Structures are given as structure tokens and as C-alpha cells.
Amino acid sequence: MIKLFRHLRLSLFAGEKFTAYIKYSIGEIILVVIGILIALQINNWNEQMKKQTSLKLVLTNLVENLQQDQAALKQMQQLESFRFHAFIYLLKMAGASSYDAAQDGHTIPPYKNDFIWKSAIPENYDKKFITEAFLWSHRSNMVAANQAAINELKNTGMYSSINDKNLKIAITNYYNAWNIRIRGIMEDLINDWQKSLESDGVITSDVAGLKDPIVLLKDHPERIALIKRLIRESAWWIESADVLSKNAEKLIEVVQKYISTQ
């Protein structure tokens, strides 16, 4: 084909058909330009496909991160549910007034007997349960959202490639909710609680050796108040775990829908 075009070009020039030769040359140039444009377009398509594939992969990873968040939140909720009901029990055994979660707008589900203490919360004095309650009084599980995928989206610039405004808003709202819901007050309360016990030369693991651990609470209004504050914070975390888990489920649906349309 190249030889044919070369022969045709030479014959036109040799025959002094200069005008025809010019037209032919222009035609060749146009064909070359068109070829270059097509090649560039194909290259652009390929690059776009690569970007879309990469975006889908990271969004799939985002879904996995959200599912991991849900698993972590469930574990946190189970732990705080035990601590909430255990603290209520300690107040009862100490003869102190209880904490009403409803006054702070919290609705606490009953203990499910599926974590730490796998039986119903005792109604009467139970040394073994009291020991568990004290042991877990300083153990919290403040989880953090897995942000590996969202960080990759932002650091690589792929976040700007998402052409769904609602998805972007949903992602932003989800991570903002974590900043509001999961807070560090619990750690401060636990530190105060431990310091209060240490003032009597006791740490939580010493409780098993005490004849009646409840004496650590009776006639100690400061510790009673600390327990109530710990209960209130546990109630907040239980509720927050539920809210954030539902938010994660909604975001998973939005992300998966977006992936399916790309």
C-alpha cells in the first residue's frame, strides 16, 4: 500500500500535474492527522478505562472497610453493653441511686448474654459477677473508622473522579459522624476511676481477693458519681455504634449502586 502511494505520487509529479499532486499531498496529510487523532482518542479511552477500573477497585475496598467498621462497632457495642449493665448492677449492690439512660435520651437494649458474661445479669449479690464488673470497668474499646480506602481516594486524586454528588456527600457525612460520635471522654473517666481506686491501694485485678469488693463503693460518693458518668458514656457508645453501623450499611448500598453503573 505504501509503495502504491509512492508510485502514484511520483507519477503525478512527473506528469507535471502539480495541482493534483498538491491535492493528493493534502489528502495524505489529512489522513495522517486523522490517524493521529484516532490514536490519541484510543489512548484517552484506554487511560479512562484504567482510571475507572482503579476507581472501582478502591470503591470496592471502601465497601470492605465499611464492613470492617461494622464488625468493630458490633464488638464495641457488645463490650459497652456489658459494662453498662455491670455498672448499673454495682450501683444497685452499693445501695446507690441508679442512672436513668432515658433522661439523657438514650435507649439501651437489654443485655443479650452473648459477650463476657454469658448469663443473665444477677439479681442478687454475686461475687463472681462483681469481680468481672470491676475487671472490665477499665477496659474500653474505642474503635476508629478504617480510612485506608478513603485516604487512597483522596491522596491519588480519584475522589474527584467520582461524578455522583450524592455519593460524595454520603462519604463525607459518614466520616464526619465518626468524629462526632467516637470521642475520648471515656479514657479520661477510666483514668479518674483507676486513680480513685489506687488512692486506697487497689487496682481492679485486686478485687477477686477482697471479701466484699462493694465496700470500695459504699460511702464513696466520688466513685459512685464516676460510675454514673461511665454508665452515661457507655450508653452514648452503645447508641453511637448502632447509628454508625446503620450509616455504614446505607453507604455500602450507595457505593455498590455507583459501582454497578460504571
C-alpha atoms as a PDB file:
ATOM      1  CA  MET A   1       0.000   0.000   0.000  1.00  0.00           C
ATOM      2  CA  ILE A   2       2.855   2.389   0.844  1.00  0.00           C
ATOM      3  CA  LYS A   3       4.599   1.529  -2.456  1.00  0.00           C
ATOM      4  CA  LEU A   4       1.355   2.210  -4.334  1.00  0.00           C
ATOM      5  CA  PHE A   5       1.010   5.683  -2.762  1.00  0.00           C
ATOM      6  CA  ARG A   6       4.669   6.429  -3.508  1.00  0.00           C
ATOM      7  CA  HIS A   7       4.288   5.357  -7.134  1.00  0.00           C
ATOM      8  CA  LEU A   8       1.149   7.452  -7.503  1.00  0.00           C
ATOM      9  CA  ARG A   9       2.878  10.493  -6.018  1.00  0.00           C
ATOM     10  CA  LEU A  10       5.871  10.172  -8.330  1.00  0.00           C
ATOM     11  CA  SER A  11       3.688   9.717 -11.416  1.00  0.00           C
ATOM     12  CA  LEU A  12       1.684  12.825 -10.603  1.00  0.00           C
ATOM     13  CA  PHE A  13       4.800  14.890 -10.057  1.00  0.00           C
ATOM     14  CA  ALA A  14       6.500  13.501 -13.155  1.00  0.00           C
ATOM     15  CA  GLY A  15       3.480  14.341 -15.270  1.00  0.00           C
ATOM     16  CA  GLU A  16       3.610  17.900 -14.070  1.00  0.00           C
ATOM     17  CA  LYS A  17       0.169  17.523 -12.666  1.00  0.00           C
ATOM     18  CA  PHE A  18       1.179  19.741  -9.807  1.00  0.00           C
ATOM     19  CA  THR A  19      -2.338  20.726  -8.712  1.00  0.00           C
ATOM     20  CA  ALA A  20      -3.364  17.110  -8.492  1.00  0.00           C
ATOM     21  CA  TYR A  21      -0.190  16.370  -6.574  1.00  0.00           C
ATOM     22  CA  ILE A  22      -0.927  19.135  -4.065  1.00  0.00           C
ATOM     23  CA  LYS A  23      -4.429  17.799  -3.554  1.00  0.00           C
ATOM     24  CA  TYR A  24      -3.042  14.341  -3.101  1.00  0.00           C
ATOM     25  CA  SER A  25      -0.467  15.581  -0.582  1.00  0.00           C
ATOM     26  CA  ILE A  26      -3.099  17.434   1.381  1.00  0.00           C
ATOM     27  CA  GLY A  27      -5.195  14.282   1.405  1.00  0.00           C
ATOM     28  CA  GLU A  28      -2.242  12.347   2.765  1.00  0.00           C
ATOM     29  CA  ILE A  29      -1.712  14.938   5.489  1.00  0.00           C
ATOM     30  CA  ILE A  30      -5.385  14.804   6.429  1.00  0.00           C
ATOM     31  CA  LEU A  31      -5.237  11.019   6.631  1.00  0.00           C
ATOM     32  CA  VAL A  32      -2.153  11.204   8.853  1.00  0.00           C
ATOM     33  CA  VAL A  33      -3.807  13.787  11.116  1.00  0.00           C
ATOM     34  CA  ILE A  34      -6.962  11.687  11.341  1.00  0.00           C
ATOM     35  CA  GLY A  35      -4.846   8.659  12.188  1.00  0.00           C
ATOM     36  CA  ILE A  36      -3.055  10.574  14.939  1.00  0.00           C
ATOM     37  CA  LEU A  37      -6.350  11.858  16.352  1.00  0.00           C
ATOM     38  CA  ILE A  38      -7.812   8.367  16.346  1.00  0.00           C
ATOM     39  CA  ALA A  39      -4.715   7.026  18.090  1.00  0.00           C
ATOM     40  CA  LEU A  40      -4.925   9.788  20.697  1.00  0.00           C
ATOM     41  CA  GLN A  41      -8.619   9.104  21.234  1.00  0.00           C
ATOM     42  CA  ILE A  42      -7.973   5.392  21.659  1.00  0.00           C
ATOM     43  CA  ASN A  43      -5.200   6.208  24.119  1.00  0.00           C
ATOM     44  CA  ASN A  44      -7.557   8.519  26.022  1.00  0.00           C
ATOM     45  CA  TRP A  45     -10.183   5.785  26.126  1.00  0.00           C
ATOM     46  CA  ASN A  46      -7.619   3.330  27.443  1.00  0.00           C
ATOM     47  CA  GLU A  47      -6.466   5.768  30.113  1.00  0.00           C
ATOM     48  CA  GLN A  48     -10.059   6.477  31.091  1.00  0.00           C
ATOM     49  CA  MET A  49     -10.773   2.756  31.338  1.00  0.00           C
ATOM     50  CA  LYS A  50      -7.715   2.305  33.553  1.00  0.00           C
ATOM     51  CA  LYS A  51      -8.888   5.137  35.818  1.00  0.00           C
ATOM     52  CA  GLN A  52     -12.396   3.691  36.012  1.00  0.00           C
ATOM     53  CA  THR A  53     -11.010   0.251  36.831  1.00  0.00           C
ATOM     54  CA  SER A  54      -8.788   1.722  39.547  1.00  0.00           C
ATOM     55  CA  LEU A  55     -11.694   3.738  40.957  1.00  0.00           C
ATOM     56  CA  LYS A  56     -13.927   0.655  41.066  1.00  0.00           C
ATOM     57  CA  LEU A  57     -11.206  -1.273  42.861  1.00  0.00           C
ATOM     58  CA  VAL A  58     -10.735   1.398  45.527  1.00  0.00           C
ATOM     59  CA  LEU A  59     -14.510   1.772  45.961  1.00  0.00           C
ATOM     60  CA  THR A  60     -14.728  -1.995  46.410  1.00  0.00           C
ATOM     61  CA  ASN A  61     -12.040  -1.650  49.072  1.00  0.00           C
ATOM     62  CA  LEU A  62     -14.129   1.123  50.634  1.00  0.00           C
ATOM     63  CA  VAL A  63     -17.042  -1.296  50.952  1.00  0.00           C
ATOM     64  CA  GLU A  64     -14.722  -3.772  52.689  1.00  0.00           C
ATOM     65  CA  ASN A  65     -13.542  -1.007  55.043  1.00  0.00           C
ATOM     66  CA  LEU A  66     -17.146  -0.185  55.908  1.00  0.00           C
ATOM     67  CA  GLN A  67     -17.893  -3.835  56.633  1.00  0.00           C
ATOM     68  CA  GLN A  68     -14.828  -3.949  58.882  1.00  0.00           C
ATOM     69  CA  ASP A  69     -16.149  -0.835  60.639  1.00  0.00           C
ATOM     70  CA  GLN A  70     -19.435  -2.626  61.255  1.00  0.00           C
ATOM     71  CA  ALA A  71     -17.655  -5.631  62.768  1.00  0.00           C
ATOM     72  CA  ALA A  72     -15.584  -3.385  65.049  1.00  0.00           C
ATOM     73  CA  LEU A  73     -18.671  -1.406  66.076  1.00  0.00           C
ATOM     74  CA  LYS A  74     -20.541  -4.597  66.934  1.00  0.00           C
ATOM     75  CA  GLN A  75     -17.719  -5.704  69.212  1.00  0.00           C
ATOM     76  CA  MET A  76     -17.591  -2.270  70.822  1.00  0.00           C
ATOM     77  CA  GLN A  77     -21.346  -2.334  71.360  1.00  0.00           C
ATOM     78  CA  GLN A  78     -21.178  -5.787  72.970  1.00  0.00           C
ATOM     79  CA  LEU A  79     -18.434  -4.670  75.338  1.00  0.00           C
ATOM     80  CA  GLU A  80     -20.170  -1.441  76.298  1.00  0.00           C
ATOM     81  CA  SER A  81     -23.473  -3.261  76.773  1.00  0.00           C
ATOM     82  CA  PHE A  82     -21.828  -5.490  79.371  1.00  0.00           C
ATOM     83  CA  ARG A  83     -20.099  -2.556  81.051  1.00  0.00           C
ATOM     84  CA  PHE A  84     -23.337  -0.537  81.094  1.00  0.00           C
ATOM     85  CA  HIS A  85     -25.356  -3.274  82.798  1.00  0.00           C
ATOM     86  CA  ALA A  86     -22.445  -4.244  85.067  1.00  0.00           C
ATOM     87  CA  PHE A  87     -22.111  -0.655  86.305  1.00  0.00           C
ATOM     88  CA  ILE A  88     -25.863  -0.474  86.939  1.00  0.00           C
ATOM     89  CA  TYR A  89     -25.541  -3.671  88.970  1.00  0.00           C
ATOM     90  CA  LEU A  90     -22.651  -2.255  91.035  1.00  0.00           C
ATOM     91  CA  LEU A  91     -24.735   0.803  91.909  1.00  0.00           C
ATOM     92  CA  LYS A  92     -27.564  -1.467  92.991  1.00  0.00           C
ATOM     93  CA  MET A  93     -25.289  -3.584  95.195  1.00  0.00           C
ATOM     94  CA  ALA A  94     -23.816  -0.411  96.726  1.00  0.00           C
ATOM     95  CA  GLY A  95     -27.302   0.821  97.589  1.00  0.00           C
ATOM     96  CA  ALA A  96     -26.848   3.923  95.431  1.00  0.00           C
ATOM     97  CA  SER A  97     -29.415   5.517  93.175  1.00  0.00           C
ATOM     98  CA  SER A  98     -29.267   4.205  89.629  1.00  0.00           C
ATOM     99  CA  TYR A  99     -28.643   6.043  86.379  1.00  0.00           C
ATOM    100  CA  ASP A 100     -31.607   6.575  84.076  1.00  0.00           C
ATOM    101  CA  ALA A 101     -30.362   6.489  80.484  1.00  0.00           C
ATOM    102  CA  ALA A 102     -33.696   7.789  79.234  1.00  0.00           C
ATOM    103  CA  GLN A 103     -33.069  11.128  80.940  1.00  0.00           C
ATOM    104  CA  ASP A 104     -30.144  11.645  78.578  1.00  0.00           C
ATOM    105  CA  GLY A 105     -32.177  10.468  75.603  1.00  0.00           C
ATOM    106  CA  HIS A 106     -30.581   7.010  75.376  1.00  0.00           C
ATOM    107  CA  THR A 107     -32.467   3.803  74.724  1.00  0.00           C
ATOM    108  CA  ILE A 108     -30.430   0.840  75.937  1.00  0.00           C
ATOM    109  CA  PRO A 109     -31.385  -2.651  74.763  1.00  0.00           C
ATOM    110  CA  PRO A 110     -31.369  -5.457  77.338  1.00  0.00           C
ATOM    111  CA  TYR A 111     -28.170  -7.426  77.816  1.00  0.00           C
ATOM    112  CA  LYS A 112     -28.009 -10.285  75.285  1.00  0.00           C
ATOM    113  CA  ASN A 113     -25.851 -12.661  77.360  1.00  0.00           C
ATOM    114  CA  ASP A 114     -23.514 -13.151  74.395  1.00  0.00           C
ATOM    115  CA  PHE A 115     -20.322 -11.401  75.463  1.00  0.00           C
ATOM    116  CA  ILE A 116     -18.081 -11.671  78.548  1.00  0.00           C
ATOM    117  CA  TRP A 117     -20.875 -12.738  80.928  1.00  0.00           C
ATOM    118  CA  LYS A 118     -22.921 -15.340  79.101  1.00  0.00           C
ATOM    119  CA  SER A 119     -25.780 -15.481  81.560  1.00  0.00           C
ATOM    120  CA  ALA A 120     -28.447 -13.104  82.744  1.00  0.00           C
ATOM    121  CA  ILE A 121     -27.323 -10.206  84.914  1.00  0.00           C
ATOM    122  CA  PRO A 122     -27.693 -11.414  88.537  1.00  0.00           C
ATOM    123  CA  GLU A 123     -30.500 -10.035  90.642  1.00  0.00           C
ATOM    124  CA  ASN A 124     -28.726 -10.582  93.946  1.00  0.00           C
ATOM    125  CA  TYR A 125     -25.186 -10.395  95.307  1.00  0.00           C
ATOM    126  CA  ASP A 126     -22.824 -12.402  93.096  1.00  0.00           C
ATOM    127  CA  LYS A 127     -19.112 -12.198  93.923  1.00  0.00           C
ATOM    128  CA  LYS A 128     -18.040 -13.674  90.585  1.00  0.00           C
ATOM    129  CA  PHE A 129     -20.067 -11.137  88.616  1.00  0.00           C
ATOM    130  CA  ILE A 130     -18.838  -8.280  90.800  1.00  0.00           C
ATOM    131  CA  THR A 131     -15.263  -9.353  90.088  1.00  0.00           C
ATOM    132  CA  GLU A 132     -15.948  -9.362  86.334  1.00  0.00           C
ATOM    133  CA  ALA A 133     -17.623  -5.959  86.592  1.00  0.00           C
ATOM    134  CA  PHE A 134     -14.555  -4.446  88.251  1.00  0.00           C
ATOM    135  CA  LEU A 135     -12.125  -6.176  85.872  1.00  0.00           C
ATOM    136  CA  TRP A 136     -13.907  -4.744  82.842  1.00  0.00           C
ATOM    137  CA  SER A 137     -14.540  -1.341  84.387  1.00  0.00           C
ATOM    138  CA  HIS A 138     -11.257  -0.009  82.971  1.00  0.00           C
ATOM    139  CA  ARG A 139     -11.371  -1.840  79.636  1.00  0.00           C
ATOM    140  CA  SER A 140     -12.871   0.148  76.803  1.00  0.00           C
ATOM    141  CA  ASN A 141     -12.666  -0.405  73.082  1.00  0.00           C
ATOM    142  CA  MET A 142     -12.656   2.976  71.370  1.00  0.00           C
ATOM    143  CA  VAL A 143     -12.589   1.919  67.742  1.00  0.00           C
ATOM    144  CA  ALA A 144     -11.634   4.124  64.804  1.00  0.00           C
ATOM    145  CA  ALA A 145     -13.003   4.058  61.282  1.00  0.00           C
ATOM    146  CA  ASN A 146     -10.873   2.203  58.751  1.00  0.00           C
ATOM    147  CA  GLN A 147      -9.884   5.042  56.412  1.00  0.00           C
ATOM    148  CA  ALA A 148      -7.453   3.181  54.143  1.00  0.00           C
ATOM    149  CA  ALA A 149      -9.687   3.375  51.067  1.00  0.00           C
ATOM    150  CA  ILE A 150     -10.953   6.927  51.576  1.00  0.00           C
ATOM    151  CA  ASN A 151      -7.379   8.131  52.117  1.00  0.00           C
ATOM    152  CA  GLU A 152      -6.302   6.420  48.894  1.00  0.00           C
ATOM    153  CA  LEU A 153      -9.185   8.058  47.026  1.00  0.00           C
ATOM    154  CA  LYS A 154      -8.112  11.491  48.205  1.00  0.00           C
ATOM    155  CA  ASN A 155      -4.335  11.040  48.005  1.00  0.00           C
ATOM    156  CA  THR A 156      -4.452   9.739  44.419  1.00  0.00           C
ATOM    157  CA  GLY A 157      -6.971  12.307  43.206  1.00  0.00           C
ATOM    158  CA  MET A 158      -9.505   9.601  42.374  1.00  0.00           C
ATOM    159  CA  TYR A 159     -12.036  11.196  44.706  1.00  0.00           C
ATOM    160  CA  SER A 160     -12.523  13.993  42.162  1.00  0.00           C
ATOM    161  CA  SER A 161     -13.304  11.353  39.520  1.00  0.00           C
ATOM    162  CA  ILE A 162     -16.478  10.353  41.350  1.00  0.00           C
ATOM    163  CA  ASN A 163     -19.232  12.003  39.333  1.00  0.00           C
ATOM    164  CA  ASP A 164     -22.014  11.350  41.831  1.00  0.00           C
ATOM    165  CA  LYS A 165     -22.547  14.289  44.172  1.00  0.00           C
ATOM    166  CA  ASN A 166     -24.804  12.289  46.493  1.00  0.00           C
ATOM    167  CA  LEU A 167     -22.121   9.623  46.937  1.00  0.00           C
ATOM    168  CA  LYS A 168     -19.544  12.252  47.866  1.00  0.00           C
ATOM    169  CA  ILE A 169     -21.931  13.794  50.391  1.00  0.00           C
ATOM    170  CA  ALA A 170     -22.691  10.364  51.873  1.00  0.00           C
ATOM    171  CA  ILE A 171     -18.978   9.594  52.256  1.00  0.00           C
ATOM    172  CA  THR A 172     -18.282  12.966  53.904  1.00  0.00           C
ATOM    173  CA  ASN A 173     -21.232  12.634  56.287  1.00  0.00           C
ATOM    174  CA  TYR A 174     -20.213   9.117  57.281  1.00  0.00           C
ATOM    175  CA  TYR A 175     -16.695  10.035  58.384  1.00  0.00           C
ATOM    176  CA  ASN A 176     -17.829  13.298  59.981  1.00  0.00           C
ATOM    177  CA  ALA A 177     -20.263  11.290  62.111  1.00  0.00           C
ATOM    178  CA  TRP A 178     -17.363   9.232  63.445  1.00  0.00           C
ATOM    179  CA  ASN A 179     -15.600  12.397  64.609  1.00  0.00           C
ATOM    180  CA  ILE A 180     -18.734  13.430  66.494  1.00  0.00           C
ATOM    181  CA  ARG A 181     -19.759  10.044  67.860  1.00  0.00           C
ATOM    182  CA  ILE A 182     -16.486   8.460  68.946  1.00  0.00           C
ATOM    183  CA  ARG A 183     -14.868  10.712  71.486  1.00  0.00           C
ATOM    184  CA  GLY A 184     -12.147  10.343  74.088  1.00  0.00           C
ATOM    185  CA  ILE A 185     -14.136  11.198  77.223  1.00  0.00           C
ATOM    186  CA  MET A 186     -14.252   7.515  78.210  1.00  0.00           C
ATOM    187  CA  GLU A 187     -10.465   7.318  78.552  1.00  0.00           C
ATOM    188  CA  ASP A 188     -10.416  10.311  80.896  1.00  0.00           C
ATOM    189  CA  LEU A 189     -13.184   8.810  83.035  1.00  0.00           C
ATOM    190  CA  ILE A 190     -11.398   5.459  83.239  1.00  0.00           C
ATOM    191  CA  ASN A 191      -8.194   7.205  84.333  1.00  0.00           C
ATOM    192  CA  ASP A 192     -10.106   9.051  87.069  1.00  0.00           C
ATOM    193  CA  TRP A 193     -11.779   5.793  88.124  1.00  0.00           C
ATOM    194  CA  GLN A 194      -8.463   3.943  88.394  1.00  0.00           C
ATOM    195  CA  LYS A 195      -6.829   6.802  90.316  1.00  0.00           C
ATOM    196  CA  SER A 196      -9.720   6.786  92.765  1.00  0.00           C
ATOM    197  CA  LEU A 197      -9.254   3.059  93.452  1.00  0.00           C
ATOM    198  CA  GLU A 198      -5.477   3.473  93.648  1.00  0.00           C
ATOM    199  CA  SER A 199      -5.937   6.014  96.425  1.00  0.00           C
ATOM    200  CA  ASP A 200      -6.982   3.007  98.548  1.00  0.00           C
ATOM    201  CA  GLY A 201      -4.096   0.934  97.226  1.00  0.00           C
ATOM    202  CA  VAL A 202      -6.373  -1.120  94.971  1.00  0.00           C
ATOM    203  CA  ILE A 203      -6.353  -1.920  91.266  1.00  0.00           C
ATOM    204  CA  THR A 204      -9.195  -3.713  89.522  1.00  0.00           C
ATOM    205  CA  SER A 205      -7.429  -7.083  89.476  1.00  0.00           C
ATOM    206  CA  ASP A 206      -7.209  -6.984  93.300  1.00  0.00           C
ATOM    207  CA  VAL A 207     -10.971  -7.224  93.611  1.00  0.00           C
ATOM    208  CA  ALA A 208     -11.055 -11.029  93.347  1.00  0.00           C
ATOM    209  CA  GLY A 209      -9.074 -11.253  96.586  1.00  0.00           C
ATOM    210  CA  LEU A 210     -11.344  -8.932  98.555  1.00  0.00           C
ATOM    211  CA  LYS A 211     -14.008 -10.428 100.795  1.00  0.00           C
ATOM    212  CA  ASP A 212     -16.573  -7.828  99.740  1.00  0.00           C
ATOM    213  CA  PRO A 213     -15.499  -5.565  96.839  1.00  0.00           C
ATOM    214  CA  ILE A 214     -18.632  -3.458  97.245  1.00  0.00           C
ATOM    215  CA  VAL A 215     -17.026  -1.758 100.255  1.00  0.00           C
ATOM    216  CA  LEU A 216     -14.940   0.111  97.675  1.00  0.00           C
ATOM    217  CA  LEU A 217     -18.138   1.881  96.627  1.00  0.00           C
ATOM    218  CA  LYS A 218     -20.097   2.327  99.836  1.00  0.00           C
ATOM    219  CA  ASP A 219     -19.581   5.717 101.455  1.00  0.00           C
ATOM    220  CA  HIS A 220     -17.580   6.840  98.425  1.00  0.00           C
ATOM    221  CA  PRO A 221     -19.789   9.398  96.633  1.00  0.00           C
ATOM    222  CA  GLU A 222     -16.969  10.322  94.244  1.00  0.00           C
ATOM    223  CA  ARG A 223     -16.732   6.746  92.961  1.00  0.00           C
ATOM    224  CA  ILE A 224     -20.496   6.454  92.692  1.00  0.00           C
ATOM    225  CA  ALA A 225     -20.506   9.619  90.586  1.00  0.00           C
ATOM    226  CA  LEU A 226     -17.679   8.256  88.421  1.00  0.00           C
ATOM    227  CA  ILE A 227     -19.622   5.040  87.828  1.00  0.00           C
ATOM    228  CA  LYS A 228     -22.666   7.044  86.762  1.00  0.00           C
ATOM    229  CA  ARG A 229     -20.550   9.040  84.342  1.00  0.00           C
ATOM    230  CA  LEU A 230     -19.046   5.811  82.981  1.00  0.00           C
ATOM    231  CA  ILE A 231     -22.575   4.442  82.542  1.00  0.00           C
ATOM    232  CA  ARG A 232     -23.623   7.554  80.659  1.00  0.00           C
ATOM    233  CA  GLU A 233     -20.613   7.331  78.352  1.00  0.00           C
ATOM    234  CA  SER A 234     -21.219   3.616  77.748  1.00  0.00           C
ATOM    235  CA  ALA A 235     -24.806   4.462  76.819  1.00  0.00           C
ATOM    236  CA  TRP A 236     -23.518   7.025  74.321  1.00  0.00           C
ATOM    237  CA  TRP A 237     -21.138   4.493  72.771  1.00  0.00           C
ATOM    238  CA  ILE A 238     -23.829   1.812  72.527  1.00  0.00           C
ATOM    239  CA  GLU A 239     -26.098   4.246  70.715  1.00  0.00           C
ATOM    240  CA  SER A 240     -23.234   5.554  68.568  1.00  0.00           C
ATOM    241  CA  ALA A 241     -22.262   2.042  67.493  1.00  0.00           C
ATOM    242  CA  ASP A 242     -25.825   1.458  66.331  1.00  0.00           C
ATOM    243  CA  VAL A 243     -26.026   4.777  64.467  1.00  0.00           C
ATOM    244  CA  LEU A 244     -22.632   4.398  62.771  1.00  0.00           C
ATOM    245  CA  SER A 245     -23.319   0.790  61.783  1.00  0.00           C
ATOM    246  CA  LYS A 246     -26.585   1.815  60.121  1.00  0.00           C
ATOM    247  CA  ASN A 247     -24.786   4.694  58.386  1.00  0.00           C
ATOM    248  CA  ALA A 248     -22.201   2.221  57.099  1.00  0.00           C
ATOM    249  CA  GLU A 249     -24.930  -0.041  55.726  1.00  0.00           C
ATOM    250  CA  LYS A 250     -26.547   2.855  53.872  1.00  0.00           C
ATOM    251  CA  LEU A 251     -23.204   3.993  52.456  1.00  0.00           C
ATOM    252  CA  ILE A 252     -22.406   0.453  51.312  1.00  0.00           C
ATOM    253  CA  GLU A 253     -25.642   0.426  49.310  1.00  0.00           C
ATOM    254  CA  VAL A 254     -24.842   3.788  47.701  1.00  0.00           C
ATOM    255  CA  VAL A 255     -21.275   2.764  46.810  1.00  0.00           C
ATOM    256  CA  GLN A 256     -22.322  -0.592  45.375  1.00  0.00           C
ATOM    257  CA  LYS A 257     -25.015   1.088  43.290  1.00  0.00           C
ATOM    258  CA  TYR A 258     -22.451   3.541  41.913  1.00  0.00           C
ATOM    259  CA  ILE A 259     -20.012   0.740  41.084  1.00  0.00           C
ATOM    260  CA  SER A 260     -22.719  -1.167  39.202  1.00  0.00           C
ATOM    261  CA  THR A 261     -23.456   1.830  36.972  1.00  0.00           C
ATOM    262  CA  GLN A 262     -19.853   2.430  35.916  1.00  0.00           C
END
